[in-house]
Amino acid sequence: MPTENSYPGHEPSGVSVSRIIFYGAILISIVFALALFLLASGVIAGSVPDVSPPPSTSLKEPILQVDPVADMAEMDVREDEWLNSYGWVDKDAGIVRIPIDRAIELTAEQGLAVSN
């Protein structure tokens, strides 16, 4: 009667600890060599370029956005005013803007222009 290990093509149940240690040492060596290379080339540790403005510039306003929530609210008010009012887009060419609700009404009445 055949035993459990006598079948052809069976997988050994043991794990080679020496192979795990060998390949682990190779992996650690590669990671260490890569870290040394990156440190030597300046990619790691303090190689961030200085992005501050030159001291000789005279900036009257901050470079960064101070209050994004207020800026967004102000932009919303300007957009609503622009979308809901009449005004010139190009006075010389005779192009005007109309409120969006009025544009929808006119489109519903007249339809869209169809080009062939």
Protein backbone atom coordinates (compact mmCIF):
# COMPACT_ATOMS: atom_id res chain seq x y z
CA MET A 1 0.00 0.00 0.00
CA PRO A 2 1.46 3.40 -1.02
CA THR A 3 2.40 5.89 1.68
CA GLU A 4 1.59 9.60 1.63
CA ASN A 5 5.03 10.63 0.33
CA SER A 6 5.38 7.92 -2.32
CA TYR A 7 3.06 9.54 -4.91
CA PRO A 8 4.92 11.16 -7.81
CA GLY A 9 4.84 14.94 -7.95
CA HIS A 10 4.06 15.53 -4.30
CA GLU A 11 5.02 18.84 -2.71
CA PRO A 12 7.46 18.63 0.17
CA SER A 13 6.00 19.98 3.37
CA GLY A 14 9.25 21.32 4.80
CA VAL A 15 10.40 24.93 4.40
CA SER A 16 14.06 25.66 3.87
CA VAL A 17 14.99 28.16 6.59
CA SER A 18 18.43 28.65 5.08
CA ARG A 19 16.90 29.81 1.77
CA ILE A 20 14.63 32.28 3.57
CA ILE A 21 17.62 33.72 5.43
CA PHE A 22 19.71 33.85 2.24
CA TYR A 23 17.09 35.68 0.16
CA GLY A 24 16.21 37.94 3.09
CA ALA A 25 19.86 38.98 3.40
CA ILE A 26 19.99 39.73 -0.33
CA LEU A 27 16.83 41.83 -0.10
CA ILE A 28 18.13 43.80 2.87
CA SER A 29 21.45 44.39 1.06
CA ILE A 30 19.66 45.73 -2.02
CA VAL A 31 17.45 48.07 0.05
CA PHE A 32 20.49 49.32 1.99
CA ALA A 33 22.49 49.94 -1.22
CA LEU A 34 19.54 51.79 -2.77
CA ALA A 35 19.15 53.98 0.32
CA LEU A 36 22.86 54.83 0.26
CA PHE A 37 22.66 55.70 -3.42
CA LEU A 38 19.64 57.98 -2.88
CA LEU A 39 21.31 59.71 0.06
CA ALA A 40 24.49 60.26 -1.92
CA SER A 41 22.64 61.64 -4.95
CA GLY A 42 20.65 64.09 -2.80
CA VAL A 43 17.21 62.65 -3.46
CA ILE A 44 16.64 62.00 0.25
CA ALA A 45 17.21 64.24 3.29
CA GLY A 46 17.14 67.95 2.76
CA SER A 47 17.21 68.18 -1.00
CA VAL A 48 13.94 70.14 -1.24
CA PRO A 49 14.51 73.23 -3.38
CA ASP A 50 13.95 76.65 -1.83
CA VAL A 51 10.69 78.04 -3.25
CA SER A 52 10.45 81.19 -1.16
CA PRO A 53 10.24 84.46 -3.10
CA PRO A 54 13.40 86.50 -3.36
CA PRO A 55 13.73 89.06 -0.56
CA SER A 56 14.02 91.98 -2.99
CA THR A 57 10.44 91.67 -4.31
CA SER A 58 7.87 94.06 -2.94
CA LEU A 59 4.65 92.06 -2.64
CA LYS A 60 1.66 94.07 -1.50
CA GLU A 61 -0.66 91.09 -1.16
CA PRO A 62 0.00 87.60 0.16
CA ILE A 63 0.81 84.88 -2.34
CA LEU A 64 -1.46 82.32 -0.69
CA GLN A 65 -5.22 82.46 -0.45
CA VAL A 66 -6.16 83.87 2.96
CA ASP A 67 -9.86 82.96 3.22
CA PRO A 68 -10.94 80.37 0.64
CA VAL A 69 -14.51 80.11 1.98
CA ALA A 70 -15.10 83.86 1.62
CA ASP A 71 -13.45 83.86 -1.81
CA MET A 72 -15.74 81.04 -2.97
CA ALA A 73 -18.81 82.86 -1.65
CA GLU A 74 -17.73 86.05 -3.45
CA MET A 75 -17.21 84.10 -6.68
CA ASP A 76 -20.68 82.52 -6.35
CA VAL A 77 -22.25 85.99 -5.97
CA ARG A 78 -20.39 87.27 -9.06
CA GLU A 79 -21.42 84.23 -11.12
CA ASP A 80 -25.09 84.52 -10.06
CA GLU A 81 -25.05 88.23 -10.92
CA TRP A 82 -23.45 87.52 -14.31
CA LEU A 83 -25.88 84.66 -15.13
CA ASN A 84 -28.98 86.62 -14.13
CA SER A 85 -28.34 90.03 -15.71
CA TYR A 86 -28.13 91.71 -19.08
CA GLY A 87 -24.82 93.08 -20.29
CA TRP A 88 -22.43 93.50 -23.17
CA VAL A 89 -20.05 90.72 -24.08
CA ASP A 90 -18.59 92.61 -27.07
CA LYS A 91 -20.17 96.01 -27.73
CA ASP A 92 -18.36 96.54 -31.05
CA ALA A 93 -19.61 93.20 -32.41
CA GLY A 94 -23.10 93.69 -30.93
CA ILE A 95 -22.91 90.59 -28.69
CA VAL A 96 -24.91 90.75 -25.47
CA ARG A 97 -25.59 88.34 -22.66
CA ILE A 98 -29.06 87.72 -21.31
CA PRO A 99 -30.23 86.05 -18.10
CA ILE A 100 -30.11 82.30 -18.30
CA ASP A 101 -33.82 81.91 -17.49
CA ARG A 102 -34.70 84.23 -20.38
CA ALA A 103 -32.39 82.29 -22.70
CA ILE A 104 -34.18 79.06 -21.77
CA GLU A 105 -37.57 80.66 -22.47
CA LEU A 106 -36.43 81.97 -25.87
CA THR A 107 -34.97 78.60 -26.80
CA ALA A 108 -38.21 76.86 -25.85
CA GLU A 109 -40.24 79.34 -27.97
CA GLN A 110 -37.98 79.56 -31.02
CA GLY A 111 -36.16 76.22 -30.93
CA LEU A 112 -32.52 75.64 -31.74
CA ALA A 113 -30.94 76.59 -35.06
CA VAL A 114 -30.24 73.52 -37.15
CA SER A 115 -27.32 73.60 -39.55
CA ASN A 116 -26.90 71.12 -42.39
